[in-house]
Protein backbone atom coordinates (compact mmCIF):
# COMPACT_ATOMS: atom_id res chain seq x y z
CA UNK A 1 -17.60 4.83 -17.48
CA UNK A 2 -15.43 5.80 -14.52
CA UNK A 3 -12.05 4.93 -16.13
CA UNK A 4 -12.77 7.49 -19.43
CA UNK A 5 -12.51 10.38 -16.49
CA UNK A 6 -9.52 12.77 -17.24
CA UNK A 7 -6.43 14.41 -14.55
CA UNK A 8 -3.65 16.28 -15.75
CA UNK A 9 -0.48 14.14 -15.25
CA UNK A 10 0.51 16.91 -12.53
CA UNK A 11 -2.46 16.58 -10.48
CA UNK A 12 -2.64 12.73 -11.01
CA UNK A 13 1.03 12.95 -9.48
CA UNK A 14 0.45 15.35 -6.39
CA UNK A 15 -2.97 13.50 -5.92
CA UNK A 16 -1.34 10.46 -5.70
CA UNK A 17 2.00 11.16 -3.40
CA UNK A 18 -0.72 12.70 -1.11
CA UNK A 19 -2.05 9.31 -0.64
CA UNK A 20 1.35 8.03 0.06
CA UNK A 21 2.00 10.30 2.75
CA UNK A 22 -1.71 10.33 4.41
CA UNK A 23 -1.07 6.16 4.49
CA UNK A 24 2.13 5.93 5.61
CA UNK A 25 1.51 8.53 8.50
CA UNK A 26 -1.59 7.12 9.13
CA UNK A 27 -0.75 3.59 9.40
CA UNK A 28 -0.58 4.02 13.21
CA UNK A 29 -4.40 4.43 13.46
CA UNK A 30 -6.25 1.17 11.81
CA UNK A 31 -9.84 2.83 11.10
CA UNK A 32 -8.58 5.64 9.32
CA UNK A 33 -5.77 4.29 7.00
CA UNK A 34 -8.60 1.52 6.33
CA UNK A 35 -10.47 3.95 4.85
CA UNK A 36 -7.48 5.71 3.23
CA UNK A 37 -6.80 2.40 1.67
CA UNK A 38 -10.37 1.96 0.10
CA UNK A 39 -10.36 5.92 -1.29
CA UNK A 40 -6.53 5.49 -2.61
CA UNK A 41 -8.02 1.86 -4.45
CA UNK A 42 -10.80 3.72 -5.51
CA UNK A 43 -8.84 6.85 -6.71
CA UNK A 44 -6.74 4.37 -8.32
CA UNK A 45 -9.39 2.00 -10.47
CA UNK A 46 -10.71 5.34 -11.20
CA UNK A 47 -7.73 6.15 -13.26
CA UNK A 48 -6.74 3.08 -14.18
CA UNK A 49 -5.35 3.68 -16.97
CA UNK A 50 -2.31 5.47 -15.10
CA UNK A 51 -1.00 2.25 -13.80
CA UNK A 52 1.22 1.00 -15.95
CA UNK A 53 2.34 -2.97 -16.14
CA UNK A 54 6.13 -3.63 -14.78
CA UNK A 55 7.89 -6.52 -15.81
CA UNK A 56 10.72 -5.31 -14.63
CA UNK A 57 10.12 -6.31 -11.03
CA UNK A 58 8.20 -9.54 -11.19
CA UNK A 59 9.94 -11.48 -8.45
CA UNK A 60 10.18 -8.49 -6.24
CA UNK A 61 6.52 -8.61 -6.35
CA UNK A 62 5.63 -12.10 -5.95
CA UNK A 63 8.18 -11.88 -2.54
CA UNK A 64 5.59 -8.64 -1.43
CA UNK A 65 2.71 -11.14 -1.77
CA UNK A 66 4.44 -14.34 -0.38
CA UNK A 67 2.01 -13.76 2.60
CA UNK A 68 -0.94 -13.57 0.99
CA UNK A 69 0.11 -16.42 -0.98
CA UNK A 70 1.35 -18.47 1.81
CA UNK A 71 -2.47 -18.36 3.32
CA UNK A 72 -4.10 -18.51 0.10
CA UNK A 73 -2.49 -21.79 -0.43
CA UNK A 74 -3.46 -23.04 3.18
CA UNK A 75 -6.95 -21.70 3.25
CA UNK A 76 -8.42 -24.61 3.52
CA UNK A 77 -6.37 -26.07 6.51
CA UNK A 78 -9.17 -24.63 9.24
CA UNK A 79 -12.07 -25.73 10.60
CA UNK A 80 -13.72 -22.34 10.23
CA UNK A 81 -14.01 -20.47 7.05
CA UNK A 82 -15.38 -17.28 8.25
CA UNK A 83 -12.30 -17.24 10.40
CA UNK A 84 -10.01 -17.73 7.61
CA UNK A 85 -11.56 -14.89 5.60
CA UNK A 86 -10.75 -12.69 8.12
CA UNK A 87 -7.32 -13.90 7.75
CA UNK A 88 -6.83 -13.12 4.37
CA UNK A 89 -8.58 -9.85 4.60
CA UNK A 90 -5.82 -8.62 6.26
CA UNK A 91 -3.10 -9.44 3.85
CA UNK A 92 -5.49 -7.76 1.41
CA UNK A 93 -3.44 -4.62 1.08
CA UNK A 94 -0.06 -6.34 0.07
CA UNK A 95 -2.19 -7.26 -3.29
CA UNK A 96 -3.07 -3.32 -3.83
CA UNK A 97 0.18 -2.02 -2.90
CA UNK A 98 2.02 -4.59 -5.29
CA UNK A 99 -0.84 -3.27 -8.08
CA UNK A 100 -1.39 0.73 -7.58
CA UNK A 101 2.19 1.42 -5.87
CA UNK A 102 4.49 -0.25 -7.93
CA UNK A 103 2.38 0.40 -10.94
CA UNK A 104 3.26 3.99 -10.40
CA UNK A 105 6.25 4.04 -9.61
CA UNK A 106 7.77 6.18 -11.62
CA UNK A 107 5.34 8.50 -9.91
CA UNK A 108 7.02 8.38 -6.58
CA UNK A 109 9.03 10.94 -4.79
CA UNK A 110 11.35 8.52 -2.71
CA UNK A 111 13.19 11.43 -0.54
CA UNK A 112 10.60 14.27 -0.32
CA UNK A 113 8.01 11.11 1.17
CA UNK A 114 10.24 9.77 3.75
CA UNK A 115 11.01 13.36 5.37
CA UNK A 116 7.32 14.23 5.05
CA UNK A 117 6.62 11.16 6.53
CA UNK A 118 8.84 11.47 8.85
CA UNK A 119 7.80 14.79 10.02
CA UNK A 120 4.26 14.27 9.66
CA UNK A 121 4.68 10.62 11.73
CA UNK A 122 6.89 12.86 14.90
CA UNK A 123 4.21 15.90 14.73
CA UNK A 124 0.83 13.54 15.05
CA UNK A 125 2.59 11.75 18.00
CA UNK A 126 3.94 14.64 19.60
CA UNK A 127 0.21 16.28 19.28
CA UNK A 128 -1.34 13.47 20.90
CA UNK A 129 1.80 13.15 23.86
CA UNK A 130 0.57 16.80 24.70
CA UNK A 131 -2.95 16.06 24.53
CA UNK A 132 -2.22 12.99 26.76
CA UNK A 133 0.34 15.20 29.73
CA UNK A 134 -2.70 17.88 29.52
CA UNK A 135 -5.15 15.43 30.21
CA UNK A 136 -3.32 12.97 32.65
CA UNK A 137 -1.61 15.19 35.52
CA UNK A 138 -2.31 12.68 37.97
CA UNK A 139 0.01 10.27 36.32
CA UNK A 140 2.33 12.67 34.77
CA UNK A 141 2.33 14.01 38.74
CA UNK A 142 3.29 10.12 39.60
CA UNK A 143 5.83 9.85 36.19
CA UNK A 144 7.89 13.30 37.26
CA UNK A 145 7.65 11.52 40.79
CA UNK A 146 9.22 8.04 39.70
CA UNK A 147 6.42 6.22 40.27
CA UNK A 148 5.16 3.06 38.17
CA UNK A 149 7.69 4.74 35.48
CA UNK A 150 7.51 1.14 33.58
CA UNK A 151 3.43 2.04 32.64
CA UNK A 152 3.93 5.09 31.19
CA UNK A 153 4.79 4.31 27.50
CA UNK A 154 2.10 1.37 27.36
CA UNK A 155 -0.49 3.61 28.79
CA UNK A 156 0.04 6.75 25.88
CA UNK A 157 0.27 4.07 23.42
CA UNK A 158 -3.31 2.08 24.04
CA UNK A 159 -4.66 5.79 24.16
CA UNK A 160 -3.52 6.11 20.75
CA UNK A 161 -4.91 3.02 20.11
CA UNK A 162 -1.90 0.61 19.25
CA UNK A 163 -0.11 -1.37 21.04
CA UNK A 164 3.28 -0.14 22.72
CA UNK A 165 6.28 -1.99 21.07
CA UNK A 166 4.27 -1.57 17.28
CA UNK A 167 4.37 2.31 17.93
CA UNK A 168 7.79 2.40 18.91
CA UNK A 169 8.68 0.40 15.36
CA UNK A 170 7.38 3.20 13.35
CA UNK A 171 9.36 5.88 15.87
CA UNK A 172 12.12 4.01 15.63
CA UNK A 173 12.00 4.24 12.05
CA UNK A 174 11.15 7.52 12.02
CA UNK A 175 14.31 8.85 13.95
CA UNK A 176 16.56 6.94 11.68
CA UNK A 177 14.96 9.13 8.96
CA UNK A 178 15.68 12.11 10.75
CA UNK A 179 19.49 10.25 11.50
CA UNK A 180 19.65 10.54 7.63
CA UNK A 181 18.78 13.38 6.90
CA UNK A 182 20.85 15.30 9.73
CA UNK A 183 23.93 13.29 8.28
CA UNK A 184 22.64 14.29 4.42
CA UNK A 185 22.11 18.09 5.26
CA UNK A 186 25.50 18.36 6.12
CA UNK A 187 26.64 16.17 3.48
CA UNK A 188 24.84 18.23 1.06
CA UNK A 189 25.92 21.75 2.90
CA UNK A 190 22.19 22.58 3.15
CA UNK A 191 21.26 26.04 4.58
CA UNK A 192 21.67 26.16 8.67
CA UNK A 193 18.27 26.52 9.36
CA UNK A 194 17.46 22.77 7.78
CA UNK A 195 20.09 21.28 9.25
CA UNK A 196 18.82 22.77 13.03
CA UNK A 197 15.10 21.72 11.91
CA UNK A 198 16.87 18.23 11.26
CA UNK A 199 18.47 18.41 14.01
CA UNK A 200 15.75 19.30 16.03
CA UNK A 201 13.23 16.74 14.85
CA UNK A 202 15.80 13.79 15.63
CA UNK A 203 15.92 14.77 19.15
CA UNK A 204 12.31 14.95 19.45
CA UNK A 205 11.59 11.67 17.79
CA UNK A 206 14.50 10.46 20.18
CA UNK A 207 12.60 11.63 23.05
CA UNK A 208 9.66 9.96 22.17
CA UNK A 209 11.28 6.16 21.52
CA UNK A 210 12.92 7.02 24.76
CA UNK A 211 9.26 8.08 26.25
CA UNK A 212 7.55 4.61 25.34
CA UNK A 213 10.29 2.91 26.35
CA UNK A 214 10.59 -0.60 24.56
CA UNK A 215 13.82 -2.03 24.49
CA UNK A 216 14.00 -2.98 20.86
CA UNK A 217 13.51 0.19 19.45
CA UNK A 218 16.28 1.63 21.16
CA UNK A 219 18.39 -0.89 19.99
CA UNK A 220 17.14 -0.32 16.36
CA UNK A 221 17.67 3.23 16.59
CA UNK A 222 21.35 2.88 17.40
CA UNK A 223 21.88 -0.14 14.65
CA UNK A 224 20.05 2.38 12.61
CA UNK A 225 22.44 4.85 13.13
CA UNK A 226 25.67 2.84 12.53
CA UNK A 227 24.51 1.84 9.22
CA UNK A 228 23.35 5.15 7.67
CA UNK A 229 27.10 6.09 9.18
CA UNK A 230 28.89 2.92 7.54
CA UNK A 231 27.18 4.51 4.04
CA UNK A 232 28.04 7.59 4.64
CA UNK A 233 31.62 7.48 5.34
CA UNK A 234 31.83 4.45 2.39
CA UNK A 235 30.42 6.79 -0.29
CA UNK A 236 33.44 9.00 0.35
CA UNK A 237 31.45 12.29 -0.28
CA UNK A 238 32.39 15.05 2.01
CA UNK A 239 34.51 12.99 4.26
CA UNK A 240 34.96 15.63 6.92
CA UNK A 241 31.28 16.78 6.81
CA UNK A 242 30.26 13.83 7.11
CA UNK A 243 32.11 12.30 10.26
CA UNK A 244 31.27 16.11 11.88
CA UNK A 245 27.76 15.26 11.36
CA UNK A 246 27.90 11.43 12.17
CA UNK A 247 30.10 12.70 15.82
CA UNK A 248 27.36 15.18 16.42
CA UNK A 249 24.14 12.56 15.70
CA UNK A 250 26.39 10.81 18.45
CA UNK A 251 26.50 13.16 21.06
CA UNK A 252 22.88 14.06 21.08
CA UNK A 253 22.29 10.40 21.24
CA UNK A 254 24.38 9.78 23.92
CA UNK A 255 23.83 13.58 25.84
CA UNK A 256 19.37 12.73 25.73
CA UNK A 257 20.12 9.00 26.65
CA UNK A 258 22.16 10.05 29.50
CA UNK A 259 19.94 13.01 30.47
CA UNK A 260 16.63 10.52 30.24
CA UNK A 261 18.32 7.40 31.68
CA UNK A 262 19.60 9.93 34.87
CA UNK A 263 15.58 10.82 34.81
CA UNK A 264 14.11 7.19 34.93
CA UNK A 265 15.67 5.12 37.50
CA UNK A 266 13.04 2.35 36.15
CA UNK A 267 15.13 2.36 32.68
CA UNK A 268 18.41 1.64 34.32
CA UNK A 269 16.39 -0.58 36.79
CA UNK A 270 14.56 -2.51 33.03
CA UNK A 271 17.77 -3.28 31.43
CA UNK A 272 19.89 -4.31 34.17
CA UNK A 273 17.76 -6.49 36.41
CA UNK A 274 14.40 -7.27 34.59
CA UNK A 275 15.12 -8.04 31.35
CA UNK A 276 17.69 -10.95 32.02
CA UNK A 277 16.24 -11.76 35.02
CA UNK A 278 15.26 -16.00 35.97
CA UNK A 279 16.65 -17.38 33.29
CA UNK A 280 17.01 -20.19 35.05
CA UNK A 281 13.26 -20.80 34.90
CA UNK A 282 12.43 -21.37 31.24
CA UNK A 283 9.29 -23.26 30.75
CA UNK A 284 8.96 -23.49 34.54
CA UNK A 285 7.62 -19.88 35.25
CA UNK A 286 5.57 -21.19 37.92
CA UNK A 287 7.82 -22.07 40.03
CA UNK A 288 8.45 -17.87 40.69
CA UNK A 289 6.50 -16.56 43.27
CA UNK A 290 4.29 -13.77 41.84
CA UNK A 291 5.13 -13.98 38.26
CA UNK A 292 3.21 -11.37 37.15
CA UNK A 293 4.79 -9.23 39.02
CA UNK A 294 8.45 -10.50 38.34
CA UNK A 295 8.68 -11.81 34.91
CA UNK A 296 5.73 -10.49 32.62
CA UNK A 297 8.11 -8.65 30.54
CA UNK A 298 11.49 -10.37 30.98
CA UNK A 299 13.14 -12.58 28.06
CA UNK A 300 12.75 -15.89 30.24
CA UNK A 301 9.13 -15.50 29.67
CA UNK A 302 9.79 -14.78 25.75
CA UNK A 303 11.58 -18.02 25.82
CA UNK A 304 9.03 -20.61 27.58
CA UNK A 305 6.73 -19.21 25.24
CA UNK A 306 8.90 -20.06 22.24
CA UNK A 307 9.89 -23.34 23.74
CA UNK A 308 6.10 -24.37 24.00
CA UNK A 309 5.70 -23.12 20.28
CA UNK A 310 8.85 -24.50 18.65
CA UNK A 311 7.38 -27.78 20.30
CA UNK A 312 3.79 -27.30 19.25
CA UNK A 313 5.04 -26.87 15.84
CA UNK A 314 7.38 -29.89 15.59
CA UNK A 315 4.10 -31.57 16.87
CA UNK A 316 2.11 -30.66 13.54
CA UNK A 317 4.52 -31.12 11.28
CA UNK A 318 4.47 -30.96 8.52
CA UNK A 319 1.58 -28.39 7.51
CA UNK A 320 1.20 -26.84 10.26
CA UNK A 321 -2.53 -26.12 12.43
CA UNK A 322 -4.21 -23.69 10.23
CA UNK A 323 -3.93 -19.59 10.58
CA UNK A 324 -6.90 -19.06 12.87
CA UNK A 325 -6.40 -21.91 14.82
CA UNK A 326 -2.68 -21.26 16.20
CA UNK A 327 -3.44 -18.95 19.06
CA UNK A 328 -5.91 -21.71 20.72
CA UNK A 329 -3.75 -24.25 19.81
CA UNK A 330 -1.06 -22.39 21.50
CA UNK A 331 -2.99 -21.64 24.41
CA UNK A 332 -4.46 -25.28 24.17
CA UNK A 333 -0.81 -26.67 24.80
CA UNK A 334 0.24 -24.12 27.92
CA UNK A 335 -2.49 -26.41 29.52
CA UNK A 336 -1.36 -29.69 28.41
CA UNK A 337 1.98 -28.48 29.86
CA UNK A 338 0.71 -27.27 32.91
CA UNK A 339 2.28 -23.42 32.15
CA UNK A 340 -0.34 -22.26 34.01
CA UNK A 341 0.61 -18.49 34.49
CA UNK A 342 1.54 -18.69 30.50
CA UNK A 343 -2.19 -20.49 29.89
CA UNK A 344 -3.61 -17.55 31.94
CA UNK A 345 -2.77 -14.83 30.32
CA UNK A 346 -2.44 -16.45 26.52
CA UNK A 347 0.38 -15.15 25.43
CA UNK A 348 0.71 -15.60 21.57
CA UNK A 349 4.30 -16.77 20.06
CA UNK A 350 5.95 -13.28 19.81
CA UNK A 351 8.18 -14.57 17.30
CA UNK A 352 7.09 -14.02 13.63
CA UNK A 353 8.81 -17.49 12.45
CA UNK A 354 7.48 -19.72 15.13
CA UNK A 355 4.21 -18.14 14.56
CA UNK A 356 4.20 -19.45 11.17
CA UNK A 357 5.68 -22.10 11.82
CA UNK A 358 2.94 -23.28 14.10
CA UNK A 359 0.23 -22.20 11.18
CA UNK A 360 1.90 -23.40 8.31
CA UNK A 361 4.66 -25.88 9.25
CA UNK A 362 8.04 -25.77 7.23
CA UNK A 363 6.79 -23.39 4.62
CA UNK A 364 6.25 -20.70 7.18
CA UNK A 365 9.24 -19.86 8.53
CA UNK A 366 10.96 -20.41 5.32
CA UNK A 367 8.39 -17.34 3.77
CA UNK A 368 8.97 -14.70 6.37
CA UNK A 369 12.58 -15.13 5.62
CA UNK A 370 12.04 -14.72 2.38
CA UNK A 371 9.95 -11.89 2.61
CA UNK A 372 11.78 -9.95 4.55
CA UNK A 373 15.48 -11.14 2.63
CA UNK A 374 13.46 -8.96 -0.58
CA UNK A 375 13.59 -6.10 1.90
CA UNK A 376 17.42 -6.11 2.65
CA UNK A 377 18.40 -7.09 -1.05
CA UNK A 378 16.59 -4.15 -2.04
CA UNK A 379 18.63 -1.74 0.68
CA UNK A 380 22.22 -3.89 -0.06
CA UNK A 381 21.96 -3.21 -4.16
CA UNK A 382 20.38 0.26 -3.99
CA UNK A 383 23.23 0.65 -0.90
CA UNK A 384 20.25 3.07 0.77
CA UNK A 385 20.88 3.16 4.22
CA UNK A 386 17.31 3.50 5.16
CA UNK A 387 16.30 0.67 3.27
CA UNK A 388 18.73 -1.57 5.09
CA UNK A 389 17.83 -0.26 8.52
CA UNK A 390 14.20 -0.38 8.01
CA UNK A 391 15.17 -4.81 6.86
CA UNK A 392 17.17 -4.65 10.42
CA UNK A 393 14.65 -2.98 12.03
CA UNK A 394 11.15 -5.32 11.18
CA UNK A 395 13.61 -8.24 11.29
CA UNK A 396 14.58 -7.84 14.76
CA UNK A 397 10.68 -6.97 15.71
CA UNK A 398 9.90 -10.41 14.10
CA UNK A 399 12.19 -11.81 16.04
CA UNK A 400 10.38 -10.94 19.47
CA UNK A 401 7.10 -10.55 18.30
CA UNK A 402 4.63 -11.45 15.20
CA UNK A 403 4.07 -8.06 12.86
CA UNK A 404 2.62 -10.15 10.08
CA UNK A 405 -0.23 -10.64 11.69
CA UNK A 406 -1.02 -7.11 12.75
CA UNK A 407 -3.20 -4.83 10.50
CA UNK A 408 0.06 -2.44 11.75
CA UNK A 409 2.92 -4.97 10.86
CA UNK A 410 1.48 -5.82 7.61
CA UNK A 411 0.80 -2.97 6.55
CA UNK A 412 3.69 -0.97 7.67
CA UNK A 413 6.06 -3.48 6.00
CA UNK A 414 3.84 -4.10 2.46
CA UNK A 415 3.55 -0.49 2.48
CA UNK A 416 7.02 0.55 2.13
CA UNK A 417 8.51 -3.06 0.68
CA UNK A 418 6.14 -1.44 -2.23
CA UNK A 419 8.01 2.41 -2.20
CA UNK A 420 11.45 0.09 -1.75
CA UNK A 421 10.60 -2.02 -4.97
CA UNK A 422 9.36 1.22 -6.72
CA UNK A 423 12.73 3.57 -5.99
CA UNK A 424 14.64 0.39 -6.94
CA UNK A 425 12.92 0.58 -10.52
CA UNK A 426 13.60 4.11 -10.86
CA UNK A 427 17.53 3.43 -10.19
CA UNK A 428 17.33 0.21 -12.52
CA UNK A 429 15.82 2.03 -15.59
CA UNK A 430 17.18 4.88 -15.02
CA UNK A 431 20.70 2.88 -14.72
CA UNK A 432 19.40 1.14 -18.35
CA UNK A 433 18.51 3.94 -19.95
CA UNK A 434 22.15 5.76 -19.27
CA UNK A 435 23.92 2.54 -20.46
CA UNK A 436 21.87 2.72 -23.76
CA UNK A 437 22.94 6.28 -24.09
CA UNK A 438 26.53 5.80 -23.55
């Protein structure tokens, strides 16, 4: 039988960690990543005896599985079981990660994985950007001339087959990792070429975030930087070098940001004039002349959506309308309340808490909070700035979007959540061993 096949521990560990690297870097591509997950599953099933039973992380694994468990609990609250099966299918990856990643927690090389993941993702996106520049000379000429600067990041992201906010969420995490690695290289007195490589990688990844130009990603890079600096200084290890590297990162961020804003006039206009325009028109967007051109990407549009989503959720307490019925129900509510602009474009909730509130009633946003809190717990308990920054990144992203209904959001969070749990187990068991020796 398949599970009797043998492989050396060394080879299995190498292949297993390569799978993790490829899956992590491949999340931005849905179809290739899906195939990778299938192959990863088959590989682990063939060598199922390598997977161990983990008793120490039962609660954390349940938290990881909570979106899937919630969907299964409300499976029959639907008008279409076929659509409901499609919804459940999106969350199956959480079970795979819980079983195979956490079941092989002792094999995961956390520090190496986050570094190689960041390098691979940055390289892949940079390569796509190079091809994009070469294949779209007219669009690049418009960009260089300051024409339609708002569209560039979205067009580039669409060329990769991913929505701009989702791609920039991944790139923000990559940038935070490089900030962390830059600080670590100074604290650990790494050789100069390692320091220069990490600084260069930080600059490139930051440029990619600015090129795609979504507001929240830039905010999360800044927040992640502050978290990294806080823990670096709090550790009191090589304090002078820590402060030196932290100041260097701030200077790099400031210089790159200043240069980019100076050469991208729309960015300053977007942040100052578009984002918070027409705040007196919440729920009354049709009163604005040409709302498509004026408030399509404004905060007032999000607030109008959230207002409608909240009202619809309250109307369908306590159990919601069902996972497969939420978007049609919200669009119908736009029409019912005579919000033609929102109805025309069938805007989704753009808020994971409200999305789950419509779908599952009271229990929905509670599960989202539990899921996100699990990541926060790991970051705080481990005093690990990358993990805590991931929590801030994914929490804020789900306040203005709904990533737990998207493949790239579910797999992105579930994959890293499982990695973080595995790292927590490594530290916990190492600590328990040390205590027993004492």
